[in-house]
Amino acid sequence: MPITTTYEVTGMTCEHCVSAVRGELTQLPGVREVSVDLPTGGVTITSAAPLPIDEVRTAVDEAGYVLAGGDG
């Protein structure tokens, strides 16, 4: 059964930002879908299994943005 988790990413201001974040996150193993709500910074990931928060944080960092919140 797929797992859906929502995160908050700060620093995104345009569709290029959305594309960069989506591109990095879709490369994580097991990720099936990534949707980004630019106005709120919400990023929803559907995956085959729970994703380690450090992997999500690293992918967002690689895109040039910041995963908000603690260690999940």
PDB file of N, CA and C in Angstrom:
ATOM      1  N   MET A   1       0.849  -1.187   0.000  1.00  0.00           N
ATOM      2  CA  MET A   1       0.000   0.000   0.000  1.00  0.00           C
ATOM      3  C   MET A   1       0.892   1.247   0.000  1.00  0.00           C
ATOM      4  N   PRO A   2       0.622   2.182  -0.889  1.00  0.00           N
ATOM      5  CA  PRO A   2       1.450   3.401  -0.964  1.00  0.00           C
ATOM      6  C   PRO A   2       1.357   4.245   0.313  1.00  0.00           C
ATOM      7  N   ILE A   3       2.444   4.918   0.601  1.00  0.00           N
ATOM      8  CA  ILE A   3       2.535   5.828   1.744  1.00  0.00           C
ATOM      9  C   ILE A   3       2.544   7.247   1.200  1.00  0.00           C
ATOM     10  N   THR A   4       1.712   8.121   1.765  1.00  0.00           N
ATOM     11  CA  THR A   4       1.689   9.524   1.352  1.00  0.00           C
ATOM     12  C   THR A   4       2.099  10.389   2.533  1.00  0.00           C
ATOM     13  N   THR A   5       3.110  11.226   2.311  1.00  0.00           N
ATOM     14  CA  THR A   5       3.634  12.091   3.362  1.00  0.00           C
ATOM     15  C   THR A   5       3.755  13.503   2.817  1.00  0.00           C
ATOM     16  N   THR A   6       3.406  14.488   3.648  1.00  0.00           N
ATOM     17  CA  THR A   6       3.515  15.888   3.239  1.00  0.00           C
ATOM     18  C   THR A   6       4.578  16.594   4.065  1.00  0.00           C
ATOM     19  N   TYR A   7       5.393  17.368   3.370  1.00  0.00           N
ATOM     20  CA  TYR A   7       6.475  18.137   3.983  1.00  0.00           C
ATOM     21  C   TYR A   7       6.297  19.597   3.617  1.00  0.00           C
ATOM     22  N   GLU A   8       7.026  20.466   4.297  1.00  0.00           N
ATOM     23  CA  GLU A   8       7.053  21.882   3.929  1.00  0.00           C
ATOM     24  C   GLU A   8       8.469  22.233   3.487  1.00  0.00           C
ATOM     25  N   VAL A   9       8.547  22.848   2.301  1.00  0.00           N
ATOM     26  CA  VAL A   9       9.829  23.271   1.750  1.00  0.00           C
ATOM     27  C   VAL A   9       9.819  24.787   1.660  1.00  0.00           C
ATOM     28  N   THR A  10      10.858  25.419   2.186  1.00  0.00           N
ATOM     29  CA  THR A  10      10.938  26.876   2.153  1.00  0.00           C
ATOM     30  C   THR A  10      11.891  27.335   1.063  1.00  0.00           C
ATOM     31  N   GLY A  11      11.616  28.535   0.551  1.00  0.00           N
ATOM     32  CA  GLY A  11      12.492  29.152  -0.430  1.00  0.00           C
ATOM     33  C   GLY A  11      12.004  29.062  -1.863  1.00  0.00           C
ATOM     34  N   MET A  12      10.955  28.280  -2.130  1.00  0.00           N
ATOM     35  CA  MET A  12      10.450  28.162  -3.493  1.00  0.00           C
ATOM     36  C   MET A  12       9.629  29.402  -3.858  1.00  0.00           C
ATOM     37  N   THR A  13       9.903  29.970  -5.030  1.00  0.00           N
ATOM     38  CA  THR A  13       9.194  31.186  -5.439  1.00  0.00           C
ATOM     39  C   THR A  13       8.597  31.115  -6.839  1.00  0.00           C
ATOM     40  N   CYS A  14       8.922  30.064  -7.615  1.00  0.00           N
ATOM     41  CA  CYS A  14       8.451  30.018  -8.998  1.00  0.00           C
ATOM     42  C   CYS A  14       8.338  28.576  -9.482  1.00  0.00           C
ATOM     43  N   GLU A  15       7.866  28.413 -10.709  1.00  0.00           N
ATOM     44  CA  GLU A  15       7.705  27.075 -11.269  1.00  0.00           C
ATOM     45  C   GLU A  15       9.049  26.369 -11.469  1.00  0.00           C
ATOM     46  N   HIS A  16      10.111  27.130 -11.705  1.00  0.00           N
ATOM     47  CA  HIS A  16      11.440  26.516 -11.803  1.00  0.00           C
ATOM     48  C   HIS A  16      11.804  25.863 -10.470  1.00  0.00           C
ATOM     49  N   CYS A  17      11.486  26.520  -9.379  1.00  0.00           N
ATOM     50  CA  CYS A  17      11.741  25.966  -8.048  1.00  0.00           C
ATOM     51  C   CYS A  17      10.982  24.653  -7.864  1.00  0.00           C
ATOM     52  N   VAL A  18       9.717  24.668  -8.245  1.00  0.00           N
ATOM     53  CA  VAL A  18       8.869  23.484  -8.133  1.00  0.00           C
ATOM     54  C   VAL A  18       9.473  22.332  -8.939  1.00  0.00           C
ATOM     55  N   SER A  19       9.899  22.632 -10.152  1.00  0.00           N
ATOM     56  CA  SER A  19      10.481  21.625 -11.029  1.00  0.00           C
ATOM     57  C   SER A  19      11.766  21.040 -10.440  1.00  0.00           C
ATOM     58  N   ALA A  20      12.595  21.894  -9.862  1.00  0.00           N
ATOM     59  CA  ALA A  20      13.852  21.435  -9.268  1.00  0.00           C
ATOM     60  C   ALA A  20      13.597  20.504  -8.085  1.00  0.00           C
ATOM     61  N   VAL A  21      12.686  20.888  -7.210  1.00  0.00           N
ATOM     62  CA  VAL A  21      12.363  20.073  -6.037  1.00  0.00           C
ATOM     63  C   VAL A  21      11.744  18.750  -6.477  1.00  0.00           C
ATOM     64  N   ARG A  22      10.776  18.820  -7.382  1.00  0.00           N
ATOM     65  CA  ARG A  22      10.123  17.607  -7.873  1.00  0.00           C
ATOM     66  C   ARG A  22      11.151  16.672  -8.528  1.00  0.00           C
ATOM     67  N   GLY A  23      12.043  17.234  -9.322  1.00  0.00           N
ATOM     68  CA  GLY A  23      13.050  16.432 -10.005  1.00  0.00           C
ATOM     69  C   GLY A  23      13.953  15.678  -9.054  1.00  0.00           C
ATOM     70  N   GLU A  24      14.407  16.332  -8.003  1.00  0.00           N
ATOM     71  CA  GLU A  24      15.280  15.658  -7.022  1.00  0.00           C
ATOM     72  C   GLU A  24      14.527  14.585  -6.240  1.00  0.00           C
ATOM     73  N   LEU A  25      13.314  14.907  -5.818  1.00  0.00           N
ATOM     74  CA  LEU A  25      12.561  13.962  -4.991  1.00  0.00           C
ATOM     75  C   LEU A  25      12.118  12.730  -5.770  1.00  0.00           C
ATOM     76  N   THR A  26      11.807  12.883  -7.048  1.00  0.00           N
ATOM     77  CA  THR A  26      11.367  11.724  -7.832  1.00  0.00           C
ATOM     78  C   THR A  26      12.497  10.722  -8.052  1.00  0.00           C
ATOM     79  N   GLN A  27      13.729  11.129  -7.818  1.00  0.00           N
ATOM     80  CA  GLN A  27      14.867  10.221  -7.969  1.00  0.00           C
ATOM     81  C   GLN A  27      15.081   9.318  -6.753  1.00  0.00           C
ATOM     82  N   LEU A  28      14.406   9.618  -5.648  1.00  0.00           N
ATOM     83  CA  LEU A  28      14.562   8.779  -4.459  1.00  0.00           C
ATOM     84  C   LEU A  28      13.942   7.405  -4.709  1.00  0.00           C
ATOM     85  N   PRO A  29      14.591   6.337  -4.251  1.00  0.00           N
ATOM     86  CA  PRO A  29      14.058   4.985  -4.452  1.00  0.00           C
ATOM     87  C   PRO A  29      12.669   4.829  -3.842  1.00  0.00           C
ATOM     88  N   GLY A  30      11.754   4.273  -4.612  1.00  0.00           N
ATOM     89  CA  GLY A  30      10.403   3.999  -4.120  1.00  0.00           C
ATOM     90  C   GLY A  30       9.402   5.119  -4.319  1.00  0.00           C
ATOM     91  N   VAL A  31       9.869   6.307  -4.735  1.00  0.00           N
ATOM     92  CA  VAL A  31       8.938   7.426  -4.921  1.00  0.00           C
ATOM     93  C   VAL A  31       8.102   7.182  -6.174  1.00  0.00           C
ATOM     94  N   ARG A  32       6.798   7.308  -6.007  1.00  0.00           N
ATOM     95  CA  ARG A  32       5.872   7.093  -7.113  1.00  0.00           C
ATOM     96  C   ARG A  32       5.346   8.408  -7.673  1.00  0.00           C
ATOM     97  N   GLU A  33       5.155   9.389  -6.797  1.00  0.00           N
ATOM     98  CA  GLU A  33       4.580  10.659  -7.235  1.00  0.00           C
ATOM     99  C   GLU A  33       5.010  11.762  -6.284  1.00  0.00           C
ATOM    100  N   VAL A  34       5.229  12.956  -6.851  1.00  0.00           N
ATOM    101  CA  VAL A  34       5.550  14.136  -6.054  1.00  0.00           C
ATOM    102  C   VAL A  34       4.672  15.270  -6.542  1.00  0.00           C
ATOM    103  N   SER A  35       3.944  15.896  -5.629  1.00  0.00           N
ATOM    104  CA  SER A  35       3.174  17.085  -5.994  1.00  0.00           C
ATOM    105  C   SER A  35       3.607  18.229  -5.086  1.00  0.00           C
ATOM    106  N   VAL A  36       3.681  19.418  -5.694  1.00  0.00           N
ATOM    107  CA  VAL A  36       4.170  20.592  -4.982  1.00  0.00           C
ATOM    108  C   VAL A  36       3.124  21.693  -5.062  1.00  0.00           C
ATOM    109  N   ASP A  37       2.797  22.286  -3.917  1.00  0.00           N
ATOM    110  CA  ASP A  37       1.890  23.433  -3.849  1.00  0.00           C
ATOM    111  C   ASP A  37       2.756  24.660  -3.599  1.00  0.00           C
ATOM    112  N   LEU A  38       3.043  25.395  -4.654  1.00  0.00           N
ATOM    113  CA  LEU A  38       3.954  26.536  -4.556  1.00  0.00           C
ATOM    114  C   LEU A  38       3.513  27.576  -3.521  1.00  0.00           C
ATOM    115  N   PRO A  39       2.244  28.002  -3.492  1.00  0.00           N
ATOM    116  CA  PRO A  39       1.862  29.051  -2.523  1.00  0.00           C
ATOM    117  C   PRO A  39       2.099  28.671  -1.060  1.00  0.00           C
ATOM    118  N   THR A  40       1.917  27.398  -0.723  1.00  0.00           N
ATOM    119  CA  THR A  40       2.068  26.988   0.679  1.00  0.00           C
ATOM    120  C   THR A  40       3.428  26.370   0.964  1.00  0.00           C
ATOM    121  N   GLY A  41       4.143  25.949  -0.081  1.00  0.00           N
ATOM    122  CA  GLY A  41       5.402  25.249   0.110  1.00  0.00           C
ATOM    123  C   GLY A  41       5.202  23.784   0.457  1.00  0.00           C
ATOM    124  N   GLY A  42       3.966  23.320   0.359  1.00  0.00           N
ATOM    125  CA  GLY A  42       3.676  21.928   0.675  1.00  0.00           C
ATOM    126  C   GLY A  42       4.148  20.993  -0.423  1.00  0.00           C
ATOM    127  N   VAL A  43       4.819  19.928  -0.020  1.00  0.00           N
ATOM    128  CA  VAL A  43       5.295  18.913  -0.957  1.00  0.00           C
ATOM    129  C   VAL A  43       4.747  17.573  -0.477  1.00  0.00           C
ATOM    130  N   THR A  44       3.959  16.926  -1.322  1.00  0.00           N
ATOM    131  CA  THR A  44       3.369  15.643  -0.976  1.00  0.00           C
ATOM    132  C   THR A  44       4.043  14.561  -1.795  1.00  0.00           C
ATOM    133  N   ILE A  45       4.556  13.554  -1.107  1.00  0.00           N
ATOM    134  CA  ILE A  45       5.268  12.462  -1.749  1.00  0.00           C
ATOM    135  C   ILE A  45       4.498  11.166  -1.509  1.00  0.00           C
ATOM    136  N   THR A  46       4.231  10.448  -2.589  1.00  0.00           N
ATOM    137  CA  THR A  46       3.649   9.117  -2.495  1.00  0.00           C
ATOM    138  C   THR A  46       4.759   8.135  -2.832  1.00  0.00           C
ATOM    139  N   SER A  47       4.977   7.184  -1.927  1.00  0.00           N
ATOM    140  CA  SER A  47       6.078   6.239  -2.097  1.00  0.00           C
ATOM    141  C   SER A  47       5.631   4.827  -1.728  1.00  0.00           C
ATOM    142  N   ALA A  48       6.441   3.870  -2.151  1.00  0.00           N
ATOM    143  CA  ALA A  48       6.136   2.471  -1.876  1.00  0.00           C
ATOM    144  C   ALA A  48       6.307   2.131  -0.397  1.00  0.00           C
ATOM    145  N   ALA A  49       7.202   2.861   0.275  1.00  0.00           N
ATOM    146  CA  ALA A  49       7.480   2.635   1.692  1.00  0.00           C
ATOM    147  C   ALA A  49       7.855   3.977   2.315  1.00  0.00           C
ATOM    148  N   PRO A  50       7.831   4.079   3.635  1.00  0.00           N
ATOM    149  CA  PRO A  50       8.238   5.339   4.269  1.00  0.00           C
ATOM    150  C   PRO A  50       9.658   5.714   3.857  1.00  0.00           C
ATOM    151  N   LEU A  51       9.870   7.006   3.605  1.00  0.00           N
ATOM    152  CA  LEU A  51      11.187   7.499   3.206  1.00  0.00           C
ATOM    153  C   LEU A  51      11.943   8.022   4.419  1.00  0.00           C
ATOM    154  N   PRO A  52      13.210   7.704   4.526  1.00  0.00           N
ATOM    155  CA  PRO A  52      14.011   8.276   5.614  1.00  0.00           C
ATOM    156  C   PRO A  52      14.057   9.809   5.470  1.00  0.00           C
ATOM    157  N   ILE A  53      13.805  10.514   6.550  1.00  0.00           N
ATOM    158  CA  ILE A  53      13.753  11.979   6.510  1.00  0.00           C
ATOM    159  C   ILE A  53      15.075  12.569   6.033  1.00  0.00           C
ATOM    160  N   ASP A  54      16.187  11.922   6.366  1.00  0.00           N
ATOM    161  CA  ASP A  54      17.473  12.462   5.931  1.00  0.00           C
ATOM    162  C   ASP A  54      17.628  12.401   4.412  1.00  0.00           C
ATOM    163  N   GLU A  55      17.041  11.400   3.770  1.00  0.00           N
ATOM    164  CA  GLU A  55      17.085  11.311   2.314  1.00  0.00           C
ATOM    165  C   GLU A  55      16.231  12.392   1.674  1.00  0.00           C
ATOM    166  N   VAL A  56      15.067  12.643   2.256  1.00  0.00           N
ATOM    167  CA  VAL A  56      14.189  13.703   1.750  1.00  0.00           C
ATOM    168  C   VAL A  56      14.886  15.053   1.912  1.00  0.00           C
ATOM    169  N   ARG A  57      15.460  15.290   3.094  1.00  0.00           N
ATOM    170  CA  ARG A  57      16.153  16.541   3.375  1.00  0.00           C
ATOM    171  C   ARG A  57      17.323  16.757   2.394  1.00  0.00           C
ATOM    172  N   THR A  58      18.094  15.708   2.123  1.00  0.00           N
ATOM    173  CA  THR A  58      19.225  15.806   1.206  1.00  0.00           C
ATOM    174  C   THR A  58      18.757  16.127  -0.209  1.00  0.00           C
ATOM    175  N   ALA A  59      17.686  15.487  -0.657  1.00  0.00           N
ATOM    176  CA  ALA A  59      17.163  15.746  -2.003  1.00  0.00           C
ATOM    177  C   ALA A  59      16.695  17.192  -2.142  1.00  0.00           C
ATOM    178  N   VAL A  60      15.998  17.690  -1.129  1.00  0.00           N
ATOM    179  CA  VAL A  60      15.525  19.083  -1.161  1.00  0.00           C
ATOM    180  C   VAL A  60      16.729  20.033  -1.145  1.00  0.00           C
ATOM    181  N   ASP A  61      17.735  19.701  -0.346  1.00  0.00           N
ATOM    182  CA  ASP A  61      18.952  20.503  -0.283  1.00  0.00           C
ATOM    183  C   ASP A  61      19.663  20.519  -1.645  1.00  0.00           C
ATOM    184  N   GLU A  62      19.726  19.379  -2.310  1.00  0.00           N
ATOM    185  CA  GLU A  62      20.348  19.290  -3.633  1.00  0.00           C
ATOM    186  C   GLU A  62      19.629  20.196  -4.644  1.00  0.00           C
ATOM    187  N   ALA A  63      18.328  20.350  -4.459  1.00  0.00           N
ATOM    188  CA  ALA A  63      17.550  21.227  -5.342  1.00  0.00           C
ATOM    189  C   ALA A  63      17.782  22.699  -5.023  1.00  0.00           C
ATOM    190  N   GLY A  64      18.375  22.968  -3.844  1.00  0.00           N
ATOM    191  CA  GLY A  64      18.672  24.340  -3.462  1.00  0.00           C
ATOM    192  C   GLY A  64      17.682  24.962  -2.500  1.00  0.00           C
ATOM    193  N   TYR A  65      16.911  24.123  -1.825  1.00  0.00           N
ATOM    194  CA  TYR A  65      15.886  24.644  -0.921  1.00  0.00           C
ATOM    195  C   TYR A  65      16.025  23.981   0.440  1.00  0.00           C
ATOM    196  N   VAL A  66      15.123  24.320   1.368  1.00  0.00           N
ATOM    197  CA  VAL A  66      15.242  23.851   2.745  1.00  0.00           C
ATOM    198  C   VAL A  66      13.966  23.131   3.160  1.00  0.00           C
ATOM    199  N   LEU A  67      14.139  21.930   3.712  1.00  0.00           N
ATOM    200  CA  LEU A  67      13.026  21.199   4.287  1.00  0.00           C
ATOM    201  C   LEU A  67      12.754  21.785   5.662  1.00  0.00           C
ATOM    202  N   ALA A  68      11.542  22.297   5.871  1.00  0.00           N
ATOM    203  CA  ALA A  68      11.204  22.940   7.137  1.00  0.00           C
ATOM    204  C   ALA A  68      10.928  21.889   8.209  1.00  0.00           C
ATOM    205  N   GLY A  69      11.043  22.283   9.435  1.00  0.00           N
ATOM    206  CA  GLY A  69      10.689  21.411  10.548  1.00  0.00           C
ATOM    207  C   GLY A  69      11.870  20.661  11.121  1.00  0.00           C
ATOM    208  N   GLY A  70      11.551  19.786  12.053  1.00  0.00           N
ATOM    209  CA  GLY A  70      12.584  19.029  12.758  1.00  0.00           C
ATOM    210  C   GLY A  70      13.018  17.809  11.979  1.00  0.00           C
ATOM    211  N   ASP A  71      13.294  16.755  12.693  1.00  0.00           N
ATOM    212  CA  ASP A  71      13.819  15.542  12.081  1.00  0.00           C
ATOM    213  C   ASP A  71      12.739  14.544  11.690  1.00  0.00           C
ATOM    214  N   GLY A  72      11.489  15.002  11.658  1.00  0.00           N
ATOM    215  CA  GLY A  72      10.413  14.181  11.142  1.00  0.00           C
ATOM    216  C   GLY A  72      10.013  13.047  12.004  1.00  0.00           C
TER     217      GLY A  72
END
